[in-house]
Amino acid sequence: MTVPLRKNVRFQLLWIGGAVSQLGTELSRLATPLLVLALTGSPGLAGVVAGARTAAFLAVQIPAGVWIDRWDRRRTLVTAQGLQAAVSALLAALILTGWFRWCSSRCRRRP
């Protein structure tokens, strides 16, 4: 007898984890250009950052999908989510330590 997906605990955990991960990704996609805008005061640079992120995503998505289909899916998912968490933690640490304030003072246009 098969168990419906809504009662399968492993599927529920996978679905909840994917939803939380997607929420974090979308919030990061929204916050990154806003961070650049806040640090540099340049809407153009914020747009360039958002565009570069989208272009990189589109350029890598299709070839990576074909390539990753040949790997173990569970290990690939865990590795990708771990790397995404590490990069997010690094970004948070750089913001909290003030490194971006130092960098943005060098990037800001002088009148």
N, C-alpha and C. Protein backbone atom coordinates (compact mmCIF):
# COMPACT_ATOMS: atom_id res chain seq x y z
N MET A 1 0.83 -1.19 0.00
CA MET A 1 0.00 0.00 0.00
C MET A 1 0.87 1.25 0.00
N THR A 2 0.59 2.17 -0.87
CA THR A 2 1.37 3.40 -0.96
C THR A 2 0.77 4.47 -0.06
N VAL A 3 1.64 5.34 0.42
CA VAL A 3 1.23 6.44 1.29
C VAL A 3 1.08 7.69 0.43
N PRO A 4 -0.04 8.42 0.57
CA PRO A 4 -0.18 9.66 -0.19
C PRO A 4 0.92 10.66 0.20
N LEU A 5 1.31 11.48 -0.75
CA LEU A 5 2.41 12.41 -0.50
C LEU A 5 2.13 13.35 0.66
N ARG A 6 0.88 13.75 0.85
CA ARG A 6 0.59 14.69 1.94
C ARG A 6 0.78 14.05 3.31
N LYS A 7 0.88 12.73 3.36
CA LYS A 7 1.12 12.03 4.63
C LYS A 7 2.54 11.50 4.75
N ASN A 8 3.33 11.64 3.72
CA ASN A 8 4.70 11.16 3.71
C ASN A 8 5.61 12.20 4.38
N VAL A 9 6.18 11.83 5.52
CA VAL A 9 6.99 12.77 6.31
C VAL A 9 8.22 13.24 5.54
N ARG A 10 8.88 12.35 4.84
CA ARG A 10 10.08 12.74 4.08
C ARG A 10 9.74 13.75 2.99
N PHE A 11 8.61 13.53 2.32
CA PHE A 11 8.20 14.49 1.28
C PHE A 11 7.84 15.83 1.90
N GLN A 12 7.16 15.81 3.03
CA GLN A 12 6.81 17.06 3.72
C GLN A 12 8.05 17.84 4.10
N LEU A 13 9.06 17.15 4.64
CA LEU A 13 10.31 17.82 5.01
C LEU A 13 11.01 18.39 3.77
N LEU A 14 11.02 17.63 2.69
CA LEU A 14 11.62 18.11 1.45
C LEU A 14 10.89 19.35 0.94
N TRP A 15 9.58 19.31 0.96
CA TRP A 15 8.78 20.43 0.46
C TRP A 15 8.97 21.66 1.33
N ILE A 16 8.94 21.50 2.65
CA ILE A 16 9.12 22.65 3.55
C ILE A 16 10.53 23.22 3.39
N GLY A 17 11.54 22.35 3.30
CA GLY A 17 12.91 22.83 3.10
C GLY A 17 13.06 23.58 1.80
N GLY A 18 12.45 23.08 0.74
CA GLY A 18 12.50 23.77 -0.55
C GLY A 18 11.80 25.12 -0.51
N ALA A 19 10.67 25.18 0.20
CA ALA A 19 9.93 26.44 0.31
C ALA A 19 10.73 27.48 1.09
N VAL A 20 11.35 27.07 2.18
CA VAL A 20 12.18 27.99 2.98
C VAL A 20 13.39 28.46 2.16
N SER A 21 14.01 27.55 1.43
CA SER A 21 15.15 27.91 0.60
C SER A 21 14.75 28.89 -0.50
N GLN A 22 13.62 28.65 -1.14
CA GLN A 22 13.15 29.55 -2.20
C GLN A 22 12.82 30.93 -1.65
N LEU A 23 12.22 30.97 -0.46
CA LEU A 23 11.93 32.25 0.18
C LEU A 23 13.22 33.03 0.43
N GLY A 24 14.23 32.34 0.95
CA GLY A 24 15.52 32.99 1.19
C GLY A 24 16.17 33.49 -0.09
N THR A 25 16.06 32.70 -1.15
CA THR A 25 16.62 33.09 -2.44
C THR A 25 15.94 34.35 -2.97
N GLU A 26 14.63 34.38 -2.90
CA GLU A 26 13.89 35.54 -3.41
C GLU A 26 14.16 36.79 -2.56
N LEU A 27 14.26 36.63 -1.25
CA LEU A 27 14.57 37.79 -0.40
C LEU A 27 15.98 38.30 -0.69
N SER A 28 16.91 37.39 -0.95
CA SER A 28 18.27 37.79 -1.31
C SER A 28 18.28 38.51 -2.66
N ARG A 29 17.48 38.02 -3.60
CA ARG A 29 17.39 38.65 -4.92
C ARG A 29 16.85 40.07 -4.81
N LEU A 30 15.95 40.30 -3.86
CA LEU A 30 15.40 41.62 -3.64
C LEU A 30 16.37 42.51 -2.87
N ALA A 31 17.04 41.94 -1.86
CA ALA A 31 17.86 42.74 -0.96
C ALA A 31 19.21 43.16 -1.55
N THR A 32 19.79 42.36 -2.43
CA THR A 32 21.12 42.67 -2.94
C THR A 32 21.18 44.00 -3.69
N PRO A 33 20.30 44.27 -4.65
CA PRO A 33 20.35 45.59 -5.29
C PRO A 33 20.02 46.73 -4.32
N LEU A 34 19.16 46.47 -3.35
CA LEU A 34 18.85 47.49 -2.35
C LEU A 34 20.06 47.79 -1.47
N LEU A 35 20.85 46.77 -1.17
CA LEU A 35 22.09 46.98 -0.41
C LEU A 35 23.06 47.82 -1.21
N VAL A 36 23.20 47.52 -2.49
CA VAL A 36 24.09 48.31 -3.35
C VAL A 36 23.61 49.76 -3.44
N LEU A 37 22.32 49.95 -3.55
CA LEU A 37 21.75 51.30 -3.59
C LEU A 37 22.01 52.04 -2.30
N ALA A 38 21.83 51.37 -1.17
CA ALA A 38 22.06 52.02 0.12
C ALA A 38 23.53 52.37 0.34
N LEU A 39 24.43 51.53 -0.14
CA LEU A 39 25.85 51.77 0.08
C LEU A 39 26.45 52.78 -0.89
N THR A 40 25.99 52.76 -2.12
CA THR A 40 26.61 53.63 -3.13
C THR A 40 25.76 54.83 -3.48
N GLY A 41 24.45 54.76 -3.26
CA GLY A 41 23.57 55.85 -3.65
C GLY A 41 23.34 55.91 -5.15
N SER A 42 23.71 54.88 -5.87
CA SER A 42 23.60 54.87 -7.32
C SER A 42 22.53 53.89 -7.78
N PRO A 43 21.39 54.40 -8.29
CA PRO A 43 20.38 53.47 -8.81
C PRO A 43 20.88 52.70 -10.03
N GLY A 44 21.73 53.30 -10.81
CA GLY A 44 22.28 52.63 -11.99
C GLY A 44 23.12 51.43 -11.61
N LEU A 45 23.95 51.59 -10.59
CA LEU A 45 24.79 50.48 -10.14
C LEU A 45 23.93 49.36 -9.54
N ALA A 46 22.86 49.74 -8.83
CA ALA A 46 21.95 48.73 -8.29
C ALA A 46 21.30 47.94 -9.43
N GLY A 47 20.94 48.62 -10.51
CA GLY A 47 20.37 47.95 -11.67
C GLY A 47 21.37 47.04 -12.35
N VAL A 48 22.63 47.47 -12.41
CA VAL A 48 23.68 46.64 -13.01
C VAL A 48 23.86 45.37 -12.19
N VAL A 49 23.84 45.49 -10.87
CA VAL A 49 23.99 44.31 -10.00
C VAL A 49 22.82 43.35 -10.21
N ALA A 50 21.60 43.88 -10.25
CA ALA A 50 20.42 43.02 -10.46
C ALA A 50 20.47 42.36 -11.84
N GLY A 51 20.87 43.11 -12.85
CA GLY A 51 20.97 42.56 -14.20
C GLY A 51 22.06 41.51 -14.31
N ALA A 52 23.19 41.75 -13.67
CA ALA A 52 24.29 40.78 -13.71
C ALA A 52 23.90 39.48 -13.02
N ARG A 53 23.17 39.60 -11.93
CA ARG A 53 22.72 38.39 -11.23
C ARG A 53 21.77 37.59 -12.11
N THR A 54 20.85 38.26 -12.77
CA THR A 54 19.90 37.58 -13.64
C THR A 54 20.60 36.98 -14.85
N ALA A 55 21.53 37.71 -15.45
CA ALA A 55 22.25 37.20 -16.63
C ALA A 55 23.08 35.97 -16.27
N ALA A 56 23.74 36.00 -15.12
CA ALA A 56 24.53 34.85 -14.69
C ALA A 56 23.62 33.64 -14.45
N PHE A 57 22.48 33.87 -13.85
CA PHE A 57 21.53 32.78 -13.60
C PHE A 57 21.08 32.15 -14.91
N LEU A 58 20.73 32.98 -15.89
CA LEU A 58 20.25 32.46 -17.16
C LEU A 58 21.36 31.75 -17.94
N ALA A 59 22.57 32.26 -17.86
CA ALA A 59 23.68 31.67 -18.61
C ALA A 59 24.10 30.32 -18.04
N VAL A 60 23.92 30.12 -16.76
CA VAL A 60 24.39 28.90 -16.11
C VAL A 60 23.29 27.85 -15.96
N GLN A 61 22.05 28.27 -15.90
CA GLN A 61 20.95 27.38 -15.55
C GLN A 61 20.81 26.18 -16.48
N ILE A 62 20.75 26.37 -17.77
CA ILE A 62 20.50 25.25 -18.70
C ILE A 62 21.70 24.30 -18.78
N PRO A 63 22.92 24.79 -18.99
CA PRO A 63 24.04 23.84 -19.02
C PRO A 63 24.23 23.11 -17.69
N ALA A 64 24.02 23.79 -16.59
CA ALA A 64 24.20 23.15 -15.28
C ALA A 64 23.13 22.09 -15.06
N GLY A 65 21.92 22.33 -15.53
CA GLY A 65 20.86 21.34 -15.38
C GLY A 65 21.19 20.04 -16.09
N VAL A 66 21.72 20.14 -17.27
CA VAL A 66 22.09 18.93 -18.03
C VAL A 66 23.25 18.22 -17.35
N TRP A 67 24.21 18.96 -16.88
CA TRP A 67 25.40 18.40 -16.26
C TRP A 67 25.06 17.73 -14.93
N ILE A 68 24.24 18.39 -14.11
CA ILE A 68 23.93 17.89 -12.78
C ILE A 68 23.00 16.68 -12.82
N ASP A 69 22.23 16.51 -13.88
CA ASP A 69 21.37 15.33 -13.98
C ASP A 69 22.16 14.03 -13.97
N ARG A 70 23.44 14.10 -14.22
CA ARG A 70 24.28 12.90 -14.23
C ARG A 70 24.82 12.56 -12.84
N TRP A 71 24.61 13.43 -11.87
CA TRP A 71 25.13 13.24 -10.52
C TRP A 71 24.05 12.70 -9.59
N ASP A 72 24.48 12.28 -8.40
CA ASP A 72 23.56 11.85 -7.36
C ASP A 72 22.75 13.06 -6.90
N ARG A 73 21.44 12.98 -7.02
CA ARG A 73 20.58 14.14 -6.76
C ARG A 73 20.61 14.58 -5.30
N ARG A 74 20.60 13.63 -4.39
CA ARG A 74 20.58 13.99 -2.96
C ARG A 74 21.87 14.71 -2.57
N ARG A 75 23.00 14.17 -2.96
CA ARG A 75 24.28 14.78 -2.62
C ARG A 75 24.41 16.16 -3.27
N THR A 76 23.95 16.28 -4.49
CA THR A 76 24.00 17.56 -5.20
C THR A 76 23.13 18.60 -4.50
N LEU A 77 21.93 18.21 -4.09
CA LEU A 77 21.02 19.13 -3.39
C LEU A 77 21.62 19.59 -2.07
N VAL A 78 22.14 18.66 -1.30
CA VAL A 78 22.72 19.01 0.00
C VAL A 78 23.94 19.92 -0.18
N THR A 79 24.78 19.62 -1.15
CA THR A 79 25.97 20.43 -1.41
C THR A 79 25.58 21.84 -1.88
N ALA A 80 24.64 21.94 -2.80
CA ALA A 80 24.22 23.24 -3.31
C ALA A 80 23.58 24.09 -2.22
N GLN A 81 22.75 23.49 -1.40
CA GLN A 81 22.11 24.24 -0.31
C GLN A 81 23.14 24.66 0.73
N GLY A 82 24.12 23.80 1.00
CA GLY A 82 25.18 24.16 1.94
C GLY A 82 26.02 25.32 1.43
N LEU A 83 26.37 25.29 0.14
CA LEU A 83 27.13 26.40 -0.43
C LEU A 83 26.32 27.70 -0.42
N GLN A 84 25.04 27.60 -0.72
CA GLN A 84 24.19 28.80 -0.70
C GLN A 84 24.12 29.37 0.72
N ALA A 85 24.00 28.52 1.72
CA ALA A 85 23.96 28.98 3.11
C ALA A 85 25.29 29.61 3.51
N ALA A 86 26.40 29.02 3.06
CA ALA A 86 27.72 29.57 3.40
C ALA A 86 27.93 30.95 2.78
N VAL A 87 27.54 31.12 1.53
CA VAL A 87 27.68 32.42 0.87
C VAL A 87 26.80 33.47 1.54
N SER A 88 25.58 33.08 1.92
CA SER A 88 24.69 34.01 2.61
C SER A 88 25.27 34.40 3.97
N ALA A 89 25.84 33.43 4.68
CA ALA A 89 26.45 33.72 5.98
C ALA A 89 27.67 34.64 5.81
N LEU A 90 28.46 34.42 4.77
CA LEU A 90 29.61 35.29 4.51
C LEU A 90 29.15 36.71 4.21
N LEU A 91 28.12 36.86 3.40
CA LEU A 91 27.60 38.19 3.10
C LEU A 91 27.10 38.87 4.37
N ALA A 92 26.38 38.14 5.21
CA ALA A 92 25.89 38.71 6.47
C ALA A 92 27.05 39.12 7.37
N ALA A 93 28.09 38.30 7.44
CA ALA A 93 29.26 38.62 8.27
C ALA A 93 29.96 39.87 7.75
N LEU A 94 30.10 39.99 6.44
CA LEU A 94 30.75 41.18 5.87
C LEU A 94 29.94 42.44 6.14
N ILE A 95 28.62 42.33 6.10
CA ILE A 95 27.77 43.48 6.39
C ILE A 95 27.88 43.85 7.86
N LEU A 96 27.82 42.86 8.75
CA LEU A 96 27.84 43.12 10.19
C LEU A 96 29.19 43.64 10.67
N THR A 97 30.28 43.24 10.03
CA THR A 97 31.60 43.72 10.44
C THR A 97 31.94 45.09 9.88
N GLY A 98 31.11 45.59 8.98
CA GLY A 98 31.35 46.92 8.44
C GLY A 98 32.25 46.94 7.22
N TRP A 99 32.59 45.81 6.68
CA TRP A 99 33.47 45.78 5.51
C TRP A 99 32.84 46.50 4.34
N PHE A 100 31.54 46.36 4.16
CA PHE A 100 30.88 47.01 3.03
C PHE A 100 30.88 48.53 3.17
N ARG A 101 30.80 49.03 4.40
CA ARG A 101 30.87 50.49 4.58
C ARG A 101 32.22 51.01 4.13
N TRP A 102 33.30 50.27 4.46
CA TRP A 102 34.63 50.67 4.03
C TRP A 102 34.73 50.62 2.52
N CYS A 103 34.23 49.57 1.93
CA CYS A 103 34.29 49.41 0.48
C CYS A 103 33.44 50.47 -0.22
N SER A 104 32.25 50.75 0.31
CA SER A 104 31.37 51.69 -0.36
C SER A 104 31.89 53.12 -0.29
N SER A 105 32.68 53.44 0.76
CA SER A 105 33.25 54.78 0.81
C SER A 105 34.26 54.99 -0.31
N ARG A 106 34.86 53.93 -0.79
CA ARG A 106 35.80 54.01 -1.90
C ARG A 106 35.09 53.99 -3.25
N CYS A 107 33.86 53.44 -3.30
CA CYS A 107 33.12 53.30 -4.56
C CYS A 107 32.20 54.50 -4.81
N ARG A 108 31.88 55.25 -3.78
CA ARG A 108 30.93 56.35 -3.91
C ARG A 108 31.55 57.49 -4.72
N ARG A 109 30.73 58.10 -5.55
CA ARG A 109 31.21 59.24 -6.35
C ARG A 109 31.38 60.46 -5.47
N ARG A 110 32.42 61.17 -5.69
CA ARG A 110 32.67 62.40 -4.95
C ARG A 110 32.11 63.58 -5.76
N PRO A 111 31.43 64.52 -5.09
CA PRO A 111 30.90 65.68 -5.85
C PRO A 111 31.98 66.65 -6.25
